[in-house]
């Protein structure tokens, strides 16, 4: 199904700290933290993305903020229209990426019917079915 709906996507640089063999590992990964539908054309989505870049506070900082505090913020607008924002508050620092994006395709999940007892037994004896062939580009 195709659609023409605009969204503002907010990605957060989530960080977890792990300890292994006496060393501290800071693991970073980007995760989609929020997606907000926008009513209106692309220009409205871009204005909403700018507002999010200037005011959105990630969970990492919001968890530890006191009432009335706001973090230091540097917002960079890249040539492709994406906002990259650096936030700092006391000894914590994080990054967010804000993008206005058009949803061009959506499909609901489909599930196969439950296996019969016979199919379950066959799988137990024969092993799992071969995996589907991976996607490859069309020539």
N, C-alpha and C. Protein backbone atom coordinates (compact mmCIF):
# COMPACT_ATOMS: atom_id res chain seq x y z
N UNK A 1 0.84 -1.18 0.00
CA UNK A 1 0.00 0.00 0.00
C UNK A 1 0.88 1.24 0.00
N UNK A 2 0.60 2.17 -0.84
CA UNK A 2 1.37 3.42 -0.87
C UNK A 2 0.60 4.52 -0.16
N UNK A 3 1.33 5.46 0.37
CA UNK A 3 0.73 6.55 1.12
C UNK A 3 1.55 7.82 0.89
N UNK A 4 1.06 8.95 1.30
CA UNK A 4 1.77 10.21 1.17
C UNK A 4 1.65 11.01 2.46
N UNK A 5 2.00 10.40 3.56
CA UNK A 5 1.90 11.01 4.89
C UNK A 5 3.30 11.42 5.36
N UNK A 6 3.42 12.64 5.91
CA UNK A 6 4.69 13.14 6.42
C UNK A 6 4.82 12.82 7.91
N UNK A 7 6.04 12.54 8.32
CA UNK A 7 6.36 12.23 9.72
C UNK A 7 7.60 13.01 10.12
N UNK A 8 7.74 13.23 11.41
CA UNK A 8 8.99 13.71 11.98
C UNK A 8 9.55 12.54 12.79
N UNK A 9 10.76 12.13 12.43
CA UNK A 9 11.42 11.00 13.08
C UNK A 9 12.51 11.53 13.99
N UNK A 10 12.55 11.02 15.22
CA UNK A 10 13.58 11.41 16.18
C UNK A 10 14.36 10.16 16.56
N UNK A 11 15.65 10.18 16.25
CA UNK A 11 16.52 9.07 16.62
C UNK A 11 17.42 9.53 17.75
N UNK A 12 17.65 8.64 18.71
CA UNK A 12 18.53 8.95 19.83
C UNK A 12 19.74 8.04 19.80
N UNK A 13 20.87 8.61 20.16
CA UNK A 13 22.09 7.84 20.31
C UNK A 13 22.04 7.24 21.71
N UNK A 14 21.57 6.01 21.81
CA UNK A 14 21.47 5.38 23.12
C UNK A 14 22.82 4.77 23.48
N UNK A 15 23.17 4.89 24.72
CA UNK A 15 24.46 4.38 25.17
C UNK A 15 24.25 3.47 26.36
N UNK A 16 24.91 2.34 26.32
CA UNK A 16 24.93 1.45 27.48
C UNK A 16 26.38 1.21 27.84
N UNK A 17 26.63 1.04 29.10
CA UNK A 17 27.99 0.78 29.57
C UNK A 17 28.05 -0.65 30.08
N UNK A 18 28.98 -1.40 29.57
CA UNK A 18 29.19 -2.80 29.97
C UNK A 18 30.63 -2.94 30.47
N UNK A 19 30.81 -3.90 31.34
CA UNK A 19 32.14 -4.18 31.84
C UNK A 19 32.52 -5.59 31.42
N UNK A 20 33.70 -5.73 30.81
CA UNK A 20 34.19 -7.02 30.37
C UNK A 20 35.69 -7.08 30.60
N UNK A 21 36.13 -8.11 31.28
CA UNK A 21 37.56 -8.31 31.56
C UNK A 21 38.21 -7.08 32.18
N UNK A 22 37.50 -6.43 33.08
CA UNK A 22 38.03 -5.28 33.78
C UNK A 22 38.03 -3.99 32.99
N UNK A 23 37.49 -4.02 31.79
CA UNK A 23 37.45 -2.81 30.97
C UNK A 23 36.01 -2.30 30.89
N UNK A 24 35.88 -0.99 30.80
CA UNK A 24 34.56 -0.39 30.66
C UNK A 24 34.30 -0.12 29.18
N UNK A 25 33.21 -0.68 28.66
CA UNK A 25 32.85 -0.50 27.26
C UNK A 25 31.63 0.37 27.17
N UNK A 26 31.72 1.46 26.41
CA UNK A 26 30.56 2.32 26.17
C UNK A 26 30.04 2.01 24.77
N UNK A 27 28.89 1.37 24.73
CA UNK A 27 28.31 0.93 23.48
C UNK A 27 27.25 1.92 23.01
N UNK A 28 27.40 2.41 21.78
CA UNK A 28 26.46 3.37 21.21
C UNK A 28 25.68 2.71 20.10
N UNK A 29 24.39 3.09 19.97
CA UNK A 29 23.61 2.68 18.82
C UNK A 29 22.46 3.66 18.65
N UNK A 30 22.11 3.91 17.41
CA UNK A 30 20.99 4.79 17.10
C UNK A 30 19.71 3.99 17.17
N UNK A 31 18.69 4.57 17.78
CA UNK A 31 17.39 3.92 17.84
C UNK A 31 16.30 4.95 17.54
N UNK A 32 15.26 4.50 16.86
CA UNK A 32 14.14 5.39 16.57
C UNK A 32 13.34 5.57 17.86
N UNK A 33 13.44 6.75 18.44
CA UNK A 33 12.82 7.02 19.74
C UNK A 33 11.40 7.55 19.60
N UNK A 34 11.11 8.24 18.50
CA UNK A 34 9.78 8.82 18.33
C UNK A 34 9.50 9.02 16.84
N UNK A 35 8.26 8.86 16.48
CA UNK A 35 7.81 9.18 15.12
C UNK A 35 6.43 9.82 15.24
N UNK A 36 6.33 11.04 14.76
CA UNK A 36 5.12 11.82 14.90
C UNK A 36 4.54 12.15 13.53
N UNK A 37 3.28 11.77 13.27
CA UNK A 37 2.67 12.15 12.00
C UNK A 37 2.43 13.65 11.95
N UNK A 38 2.58 14.22 10.78
CA UNK A 38 2.41 15.66 10.58
C UNK A 38 1.29 15.88 9.58
N UNK A 39 0.30 16.67 9.95
CA UNK A 39 -0.77 17.03 9.02
C UNK A 39 -0.28 18.19 8.17
N UNK A 40 -0.34 18.02 6.87
CA UNK A 40 0.04 19.11 5.99
C UNK A 40 1.16 18.72 5.06
N UNK A 41 1.65 19.68 4.29
CA UNK A 41 2.67 19.43 3.28
C UNK A 41 4.07 19.31 3.87
N UNK A 42 5.04 19.14 2.99
CA UNK A 42 6.44 18.96 3.37
C UNK A 42 6.95 20.14 4.19
N UNK A 43 6.56 21.35 3.83
CA UNK A 43 7.03 22.54 4.55
C UNK A 43 6.62 22.51 6.02
N UNK A 44 5.41 22.02 6.27
CA UNK A 44 4.96 21.91 7.66
C UNK A 44 5.77 20.85 8.40
N UNK A 45 6.10 19.76 7.73
CA UNK A 45 6.93 18.71 8.34
C UNK A 45 8.32 19.25 8.65
N UNK A 46 8.88 20.05 7.75
CA UNK A 46 10.21 20.63 8.00
C UNK A 46 10.18 21.59 9.19
N UNK A 47 9.12 22.38 9.31
CA UNK A 47 9.01 23.30 10.45
C UNK A 47 8.84 22.53 11.75
N UNK A 48 8.09 21.43 11.71
CA UNK A 48 7.91 20.60 12.90
C UNK A 48 9.23 19.93 13.29
N UNK A 49 10.01 19.49 12.30
CA UNK A 49 11.31 18.88 12.57
C UNK A 49 12.25 19.90 13.22
N UNK A 50 12.22 21.14 12.74
CA UNK A 50 13.05 22.19 13.35
C UNK A 50 12.65 22.42 14.80
N UNK A 51 11.34 22.46 15.07
CA UNK A 51 10.86 22.64 16.43
C UNK A 51 11.33 21.50 17.33
N UNK A 52 11.27 20.27 16.80
CA UNK A 52 11.74 19.11 17.58
C UNK A 52 13.24 19.22 17.84
N UNK A 53 14.01 19.65 16.85
CA UNK A 53 15.46 19.78 17.03
C UNK A 53 15.81 20.82 18.09
N UNK A 54 14.98 21.84 18.22
CA UNK A 54 15.27 22.91 19.16
C UNK A 54 14.67 22.69 20.55
N UNK A 55 13.75 21.71 20.70
CA UNK A 55 13.08 21.56 21.98
C UNK A 55 13.01 20.13 22.53
N UNK A 56 13.20 19.11 21.71
CA UNK A 56 13.09 17.72 22.17
C UNK A 56 14.20 17.41 23.18
N UNK A 57 13.83 16.77 24.28
CA UNK A 57 14.81 16.36 25.29
C UNK A 57 14.80 14.84 25.36
N UNK A 58 15.94 14.19 25.08
CA UNK A 58 16.00 12.73 25.11
C UNK A 58 15.79 12.18 26.51
N UNK A 59 15.37 10.94 26.56
CA UNK A 59 15.07 10.28 27.83
C UNK A 59 16.28 10.28 28.77
N UNK A 60 17.48 10.11 28.22
CA UNK A 60 18.70 10.08 29.05
C UNK A 60 18.83 11.33 29.90
N UNK A 61 18.54 12.49 29.32
CA UNK A 61 18.65 13.74 30.06
C UNK A 61 17.38 14.04 30.85
N UNK A 62 16.23 13.73 30.30
CA UNK A 62 14.97 14.03 30.98
C UNK A 62 14.85 13.26 32.29
N UNK A 63 15.39 12.06 32.33
CA UNK A 63 15.34 11.23 33.54
C UNK A 63 16.03 11.90 34.72
N UNK A 64 17.09 12.63 34.44
CA UNK A 64 17.92 13.19 35.52
C UNK A 64 17.78 14.69 35.69
N UNK A 65 16.89 15.31 34.92
CA UNK A 65 16.74 16.77 34.99
C UNK A 65 15.86 17.17 36.18
N UNK A 66 16.20 18.31 36.75
CA UNK A 66 15.38 18.89 37.81
C UNK A 66 14.40 19.87 37.17
N UNK A 67 13.29 20.16 37.83
CA UNK A 67 12.34 21.13 37.26
C UNK A 67 13.02 22.46 37.00
N UNK A 68 12.76 23.01 35.81
CA UNK A 68 13.33 24.30 35.44
C UNK A 68 14.66 24.22 34.71
N UNK A 69 15.27 23.05 34.63
CA UNK A 69 16.55 22.92 33.94
C UNK A 69 16.33 22.66 32.45
N UNK A 70 17.24 23.15 31.66
CA UNK A 70 17.24 22.81 30.24
C UNK A 70 18.69 22.57 29.83
N UNK A 71 18.91 21.58 28.99
CA UNK A 71 20.29 21.24 28.62
C UNK A 71 20.89 22.22 27.63
N UNK A 72 22.23 22.26 27.59
CA UNK A 72 22.93 23.00 26.55
C UNK A 72 22.66 22.28 25.24
N UNK A 73 22.51 23.05 24.15
CA UNK A 73 22.08 22.45 22.88
C UNK A 73 22.81 23.10 21.73
N UNK A 74 23.35 22.27 20.84
CA UNK A 74 23.91 22.73 19.57
C UNK A 74 23.15 21.97 18.49
N UNK A 75 22.45 22.69 17.62
CA UNK A 75 21.65 22.07 16.57
C UNK A 75 22.28 22.39 15.22
N UNK A 76 22.60 21.35 14.47
CA UNK A 76 23.22 21.49 13.15
C UNK A 76 22.24 21.02 12.09
N UNK A 77 22.04 21.83 11.07
CA UNK A 77 21.19 21.46 9.94
C UNK A 77 22.08 21.01 8.80
N UNK A 78 21.96 19.74 8.42
CA UNK A 78 22.79 19.20 7.34
C UNK A 78 22.19 19.58 5.98
N UNK A 79 22.98 19.51 4.91
CA UNK A 79 22.47 19.90 3.59
C UNK A 79 21.25 19.11 3.13
N UNK A 80 21.07 17.88 3.62
CA UNK A 80 19.91 17.08 3.21
C UNK A 80 18.66 17.37 4.04
N UNK A 81 18.74 18.31 4.99
CA UNK A 81 17.58 18.69 5.79
C UNK A 81 17.45 17.98 7.12
N UNK A 82 18.40 17.13 7.45
CA UNK A 82 18.40 16.43 8.73
C UNK A 82 19.04 17.31 9.80
N UNK A 83 18.49 17.27 10.99
CA UNK A 83 19.06 18.00 12.12
C UNK A 83 19.87 17.03 12.97
N UNK A 84 21.09 17.40 13.32
CA UNK A 84 21.90 16.64 14.26
C UNK A 84 22.11 17.55 15.46
N UNK A 85 21.69 17.08 16.62
CA UNK A 85 21.67 17.93 17.82
C UNK A 85 22.53 17.31 18.91
N UNK A 86 23.41 18.12 19.47
CA UNK A 86 24.25 17.70 20.60
C UNK A 86 23.70 18.36 21.85
N UNK A 87 23.43 17.55 22.86
CA UNK A 87 22.88 18.05 24.12
C UNK A 87 23.80 17.69 25.27
N UNK A 88 23.97 18.62 26.21
CA UNK A 88 24.79 18.39 27.39
C UNK A 88 24.08 18.94 28.62
N UNK A 89 24.16 18.18 29.70
CA UNK A 89 23.61 18.65 30.97
C UNK A 89 24.44 18.04 32.08
N UNK A 90 25.06 18.92 32.85
CA UNK A 90 26.02 18.52 33.86
C UNK A 90 27.05 17.57 33.25
N UNK A 91 27.17 16.37 33.69
CA UNK A 91 28.20 15.45 33.18
C UNK A 91 27.65 14.47 32.14
N UNK A 92 26.42 14.68 31.68
CA UNK A 92 25.83 13.80 30.67
C UNK A 92 25.83 14.49 29.31
N UNK A 93 26.01 13.69 28.27
CA UNK A 93 25.98 14.22 26.92
C UNK A 93 25.32 13.18 26.02
N UNK A 94 24.51 13.65 25.07
CA UNK A 94 23.89 12.74 24.12
C UNK A 94 23.63 13.48 22.81
N UNK A 95 23.23 12.70 21.81
CA UNK A 95 22.96 13.25 20.48
C UNK A 95 21.61 12.76 20.01
N UNK A 96 20.94 13.58 19.22
CA UNK A 96 19.71 13.14 18.56
C UNK A 96 19.80 13.54 17.09
N UNK A 97 19.05 12.83 16.28
CA UNK A 97 18.94 13.15 14.86
C UNK A 97 17.46 13.30 14.56
N UNK A 98 17.07 14.41 13.96
CA UNK A 98 15.67 14.70 13.65
C UNK A 98 15.52 14.85 12.14
N UNK A 99 14.56 14.13 11.58
CA UNK A 99 14.36 14.11 10.13
C UNK A 99 12.89 14.24 9.80
N UNK A 100 12.58 15.03 8.78
CA UNK A 100 11.23 15.04 8.22
C UNK A 100 11.24 14.01 7.10
N UNK A 101 10.32 13.06 7.17
CA UNK A 101 10.32 11.96 6.19
C UNK A 101 8.90 11.68 5.72
N UNK A 102 8.81 11.28 4.47
CA UNK A 102 7.52 10.93 3.89
C UNK A 102 7.39 9.42 3.91
N UNK A 103 6.31 8.95 4.48
CA UNK A 103 6.02 7.51 4.49
C UNK A 103 5.54 7.15 3.09
N UNK A 104 6.26 6.27 2.43
CA UNK A 104 5.90 5.91 1.05
C UNK A 104 5.34 4.50 0.93
N UNK A 105 5.51 3.69 1.97
CA UNK A 105 5.00 2.33 1.89
C UNK A 105 4.74 1.80 3.30
N UNK A 106 3.69 1.04 3.43
CA UNK A 106 3.41 0.37 4.69
C UNK A 106 2.73 -0.96 4.39
N UNK A 107 3.01 -1.95 5.20
CA UNK A 107 2.40 -3.26 5.04
C UNK A 107 2.25 -3.87 6.43
N UNK A 108 1.12 -4.46 6.68
CA UNK A 108 0.87 -5.10 7.96
C UNK A 108 1.56 -6.46 8.01
N UNK A 109 1.85 -6.91 9.19
CA UNK A 109 2.47 -8.21 9.40
C UNK A 109 1.50 -9.32 9.01
N UNK A 110 2.03 -10.37 8.41
CA UNK A 110 1.22 -11.56 8.12
C UNK A 110 1.84 -12.74 8.86
N UNK A 111 0.99 -13.58 9.36
CA UNK A 111 1.46 -14.76 10.08
C UNK A 111 0.94 -16.01 9.39
N UNK A 112 1.79 -17.02 9.36
CA UNK A 112 1.39 -18.30 8.79
C UNK A 112 0.44 -18.99 9.75
N UNK A 113 -0.42 -19.86 9.24
CA UNK A 113 -1.31 -20.60 10.14
C UNK A 113 -0.49 -21.50 11.06
N UNK A 114 -1.02 -21.82 12.24
CA UNK A 114 -0.26 -22.67 13.16
C UNK A 114 0.00 -24.04 12.56
N UNK A 115 1.15 -24.62 12.92
CA UNK A 115 1.51 -25.93 12.40
C UNK A 115 0.66 -27.02 13.03
N UNK A 116 0.39 -28.03 12.25
CA UNK A 116 -0.34 -29.18 12.77
C UNK A 116 0.63 -30.05 13.55
N UNK A 117 0.10 -30.97 14.31
CA UNK A 117 0.94 -31.89 15.09
C UNK A 117 1.86 -32.67 14.17
N UNK A 118 1.33 -33.08 13.02
CA UNK A 118 2.12 -33.83 12.05
C UNK A 118 3.31 -33.00 11.55
N UNK A 119 3.08 -31.71 11.26
CA UNK A 119 4.15 -30.84 10.80
C UNK A 119 5.19 -30.61 11.89
N UNK A 120 4.74 -30.48 13.13
CA UNK A 120 5.67 -30.29 14.25
C UNK A 120 6.56 -31.51 14.43
N UNK A 121 5.95 -32.70 14.34
CA UNK A 121 6.73 -33.93 14.47
C UNK A 121 7.73 -34.08 13.32
N UNK A 122 7.27 -33.78 12.10
CA UNK A 122 8.16 -33.87 10.94
C UNK A 122 9.35 -32.92 11.11
N UNK A 123 9.10 -31.71 11.60
CA UNK A 123 10.18 -30.74 11.79
C UNK A 123 11.13 -31.21 12.87
N UNK A 124 10.61 -31.84 13.92
CA UNK A 124 11.46 -32.34 15.00
C UNK A 124 12.37 -33.45 14.49
N UNK A 125 11.87 -34.29 13.58
CA UNK A 125 12.66 -35.39 13.07
C UNK A 125 13.60 -34.95 11.94
N UNK A 126 13.11 -34.11 11.05
CA UNK A 126 13.89 -33.72 9.87
C UNK A 126 14.73 -32.47 10.08
N UNK A 127 14.47 -31.72 11.12
CA UNK A 127 15.18 -30.47 11.35
C UNK A 127 14.38 -29.32 10.77
N UNK A 128 14.84 -28.10 11.00
CA UNK A 128 14.08 -26.93 10.51
C UNK A 128 14.09 -26.85 8.99
N UNK A 129 13.08 -26.19 8.46
CA UNK A 129 12.99 -25.98 7.02
C UNK A 129 14.09 -25.01 6.59
N UNK A 130 14.54 -25.11 5.34
CA UNK A 130 15.58 -24.17 4.88
C UNK A 130 15.03 -22.74 4.90
N UNK A 131 15.93 -21.82 5.18
CA UNK A 131 15.52 -20.42 5.23
C UNK A 131 15.22 -19.91 3.83
N UNK A 132 14.43 -18.88 3.77
CA UNK A 132 14.09 -18.27 2.48
C UNK A 132 15.34 -17.64 1.88
N UNK A 133 15.39 -17.57 0.57
CA UNK A 133 16.54 -16.94 -0.07
C UNK A 133 16.55 -15.46 0.26
N UNK A 134 17.72 -14.90 0.53
CA UNK A 134 17.78 -13.47 0.88
C UNK A 134 17.45 -12.60 -0.32
N UNK A 135 17.05 -11.36 -0.03
CA UNK A 135 16.71 -10.42 -1.08
C UNK A 135 17.96 -10.07 -1.88
N UNK A 136 17.81 -9.98 -3.17
CA UNK A 136 18.88 -9.51 -4.04
C UNK A 136 18.29 -8.49 -5.01
N UNK A 137 19.08 -7.53 -5.47
CA UNK A 137 18.54 -6.54 -6.40
C UNK A 137 18.17 -7.18 -7.72
N UNK A 138 17.13 -6.63 -8.36
CA UNK A 138 16.71 -7.10 -9.67
C UNK A 138 17.69 -6.61 -10.72
N UNK A 139 17.95 -7.44 -11.68
CA UNK A 139 18.91 -7.09 -12.75
C UNK A 139 18.34 -6.05 -13.70
